Amino acid sequence: MTQRLRCLSIRCIRITLDIEEDVLQAAKEIAAKEKTTAGVVISRLARSSLMGPSPADTDDLLLRNGVPVITGTGHPITLKHVQAIMDEAGI
């Protein structure tokens, strides 16, 4: 009932999405730890990703020519990497 009331107050929408198995499993595990649902977890994660980094997060970003540099991948991402991914995706 609490979930239903919350959805009525913020206009939740039910929709069918194709979510890859590993992502769904990870969301279910997080949900179990937080005593909530996978839908709530996925919504929260999607919302935070769509909003982008918070100002506190951007303070720590390495910028090159005004563009944030992604670090921590273990190896540099080169144009060859990007082209290979695009070729695999047919782009």
C-alpha atoms as a PDB file:
ATOM      1  CA  MET A   1       0.000   0.000   0.000  1.00  0.00           C
ATOM      2  CA  THR A   2       2.847   2.408   0.774  1.00  0.00           C
ATOM      3  CA  GLN A   3       4.290   1.852  -2.712  1.00  0.00           C
ATOM      4  CA  ARG A   4       0.870   2.498  -4.259  1.00  0.00           C
ATOM      5  CA  LEU A   5       0.418   5.746  -2.320  1.00  0.00           C
ATOM      6  CA  ARG A   6       3.936   6.876  -3.230  1.00  0.00           C
ATOM      7  CA  CYS A   7       3.277   6.155  -6.905  1.00  0.00           C
ATOM      8  CA  LEU A   8       0.012   8.079  -6.838  1.00  0.00           C
ATOM      9  CA  SER A   9       1.741  11.084  -5.339  1.00  0.00           C
ATOM     10  CA  ILE A  10       4.649  11.173  -7.812  1.00  0.00           C
ATOM     11  CA  ARG A  11       2.958   9.629 -10.860  1.00  0.00           C
ATOM     12  CA  CYS A  12       4.829   6.332 -11.320  1.00  0.00           C
ATOM     13  CA  ILE A  13       4.456   4.706 -14.708  1.00  0.00           C
ATOM     14  CA  ARG A  14       4.531   0.983 -15.416  1.00  0.00           C
ATOM     15  CA  ILE A  15       6.406   0.138 -18.599  1.00  0.00           C
ATOM     16  CA  THR A  16       8.138  -2.907 -20.040  1.00  0.00           C
ATOM     17  CA  LEU A  17      11.889  -2.534 -20.526  1.00  0.00           C
ATOM     18  CA  ASP A  18      14.525  -4.970 -21.752  1.00  0.00           C
ATOM     19  CA  ILE A  19      17.139  -5.026 -19.002  1.00  0.00           C
ATOM     20  CA  GLU A  20      20.182  -7.233 -19.359  1.00  0.00           C
ATOM     21  CA  GLU A  21      20.388 -10.106 -16.872  1.00  0.00           C
ATOM     22  CA  ASP A  22      23.558  -8.921 -15.128  1.00  0.00           C
ATOM     23  CA  VAL A  23      22.128  -5.437 -14.584  1.00  0.00           C
ATOM     24  CA  LEU A  24      18.859  -6.816 -13.213  1.00  0.00           C
ATOM     25  CA  GLN A  25      20.714  -9.199 -10.907  1.00  0.00           C
ATOM     26  CA  ALA A  26      22.881  -6.372  -9.573  1.00  0.00           C
ATOM     27  CA  ALA A  27      19.786  -4.209  -9.001  1.00  0.00           C
ATOM     28  CA  LYS A  28      18.069  -7.072  -7.150  1.00  0.00           C
ATOM     29  CA  GLU A  29      21.105  -7.554  -4.913  1.00  0.00           C
ATOM     30  CA  ILE A  30      21.251  -3.852  -4.075  1.00  0.00           C
ATOM     31  CA  ALA A  31      17.499  -3.835  -3.460  1.00  0.00           C
ATOM     32  CA  ALA A  32      17.772  -6.770  -1.054  1.00  0.00           C
ATOM     33  CA  LYS A  33      20.499  -4.989   0.939  1.00  0.00           C
ATOM     34  CA  GLU A  34      18.446  -1.773   1.030  1.00  0.00           C
ATOM     35  CA  LYS A  35      15.152  -3.590   1.703  1.00  0.00           C
ATOM     36  CA  THR A  36      13.490  -2.045  -1.349  1.00  0.00           C
ATOM     37  CA  THR A  37      12.630  -3.130  -4.892  1.00  0.00           C
ATOM     38  CA  ALA A  38      14.771  -3.465  -7.996  1.00  0.00           C
ATOM     39  CA  GLY A  39      12.504  -0.912  -9.692  1.00  0.00           C
ATOM     40  CA  VAL A  40      13.274   1.672  -7.024  1.00  0.00           C
ATOM     41  CA  VAL A  41      17.011   0.962  -7.327  1.00  0.00           C
ATOM     42  CA  ILE A  42      17.005   1.168 -11.138  1.00  0.00           C
ATOM     43  CA  SER A  43      14.949   4.375 -11.065  1.00  0.00           C
ATOM     44  CA  ARG A  44      17.344   5.979  -8.584  1.00  0.00           C
ATOM     45  CA  LEU A  45      20.428   4.967 -10.579  1.00  0.00           C
ATOM     46  CA  ALA A  46      18.919   6.094 -13.889  1.00  0.00           C
ATOM     47  CA  ARG A  47      17.884   9.425 -12.373  1.00  0.00           C
ATOM     48  CA  SER A  48      21.355  10.101 -10.963  1.00  0.00           C
ATOM     49  CA  SER A  49      22.984   9.162 -14.289  1.00  0.00           C
ATOM     50  CA  LEU A  50      20.643  11.374 -16.284  1.00  0.00           C
ATOM     51  CA  MET A  51      21.275  14.335 -13.990  1.00  0.00           C
ATOM     52  CA  GLY A  52      25.052  14.073 -14.498  1.00  0.00           C
ATOM     53  CA  PRO A  53      27.740  14.646 -11.927  1.00  0.00           C
ATOM     54  CA  SER A  54      26.981  16.874  -8.977  1.00  0.00           C
ATOM     55  CA  PRO A  55      29.060  20.049  -8.535  1.00  0.00           C
ATOM     56  CA  ALA A  56      30.991  18.297  -5.740  1.00  0.00           C
ATOM     57  CA  ASP A  57      31.866  15.461  -8.129  1.00  0.00           C
ATOM     58  CA  THR A  58      33.038  17.832 -10.874  1.00  0.00           C
ATOM     59  CA  ASP A  59      35.499  19.513  -8.504  1.00  0.00           C
ATOM     60  CA  ASP A  60      37.569  16.300  -8.529  1.00  0.00           C
ATOM     61  CA  LEU A  61      37.358  15.726 -12.306  1.00  0.00           C
ATOM     62  CA  LEU A  62      40.489  16.060 -14.360  1.00  0.00           C
ATOM     63  CA  LEU A  63      39.771  18.470 -17.194  1.00  0.00           C
ATOM     64  CA  ARG A  64      41.626  18.576 -20.481  1.00  0.00           C
ATOM     65  CA  ASN A  65      40.708  21.511 -22.733  1.00  0.00           C
ATOM     66  CA  GLY A  66      37.569  21.973 -20.634  1.00  0.00           C
ATOM     67  CA  VAL A  67      36.425  18.360 -21.164  1.00  0.00           C
ATOM     68  CA  PRO A  68      36.197  15.935 -18.216  1.00  0.00           C
ATOM     69  CA  VAL A  69      38.679  13.062 -18.522  1.00  0.00           C
ATOM     70  CA  ILE A  70      37.454   9.644 -17.418  1.00  0.00           C
ATOM     71  CA  THR A  71      40.038   7.971 -15.217  1.00  0.00           C
ATOM     72  CA  GLY A  72      40.358   4.635 -13.510  1.00  0.00           C
ATOM     73  CA  THR A  73      39.783   2.402 -16.558  1.00  0.00           C
ATOM     74  CA  GLY A  74      43.171   0.758 -16.166  1.00  0.00           C
ATOM     75  CA  HIS A  75      44.227   1.740 -19.669  1.00  0.00           C
ATOM     76  CA  PRO A  76      43.857   4.818 -21.851  1.00  0.00           C
ATOM     77  CA  ILE A  77      40.921   4.925 -24.263  1.00  0.00           C
ATOM     78  CA  THR A  78      42.258   5.665 -27.723  1.00  0.00           C
ATOM     79  CA  LEU A  79      40.641   6.478 -31.047  1.00  0.00           C
ATOM     80  CA  LYS A  80      41.370   2.872 -32.092  1.00  0.00           C
ATOM     81  CA  HIS A  81      39.266   1.618 -29.155  1.00  0.00           C
ATOM     82  CA  VAL A  82      36.391   3.889 -30.103  1.00  0.00           C
ATOM     83  CA  GLN A  83      36.583   2.913 -33.779  1.00  0.00           C
ATOM     84  CA  ALA A  84      36.619  -0.805 -32.903  1.00  0.00           C
ATOM     85  CA  ILE A  85      33.520  -0.383 -30.727  1.00  0.00           C
ATOM     86  CA  MET A  86      31.790   1.578 -33.487  1.00  0.00           C
ATOM     87  CA  ASP A  87      32.698  -1.118 -36.043  1.00  0.00           C
ATOM     88  CA  GLU A  88      31.286  -3.838 -33.753  1.00  0.00           C
ATOM     89  CA  ALA A  89      28.083  -1.835 -33.302  1.00  0.00           C
ATOM     90  CA  GLY A  90      27.822  -1.119 -37.032  1.00  0.00           C
ATOM     91  CA  ILE A  91      28.015   2.644 -36.560  1.00  0.00           C
END
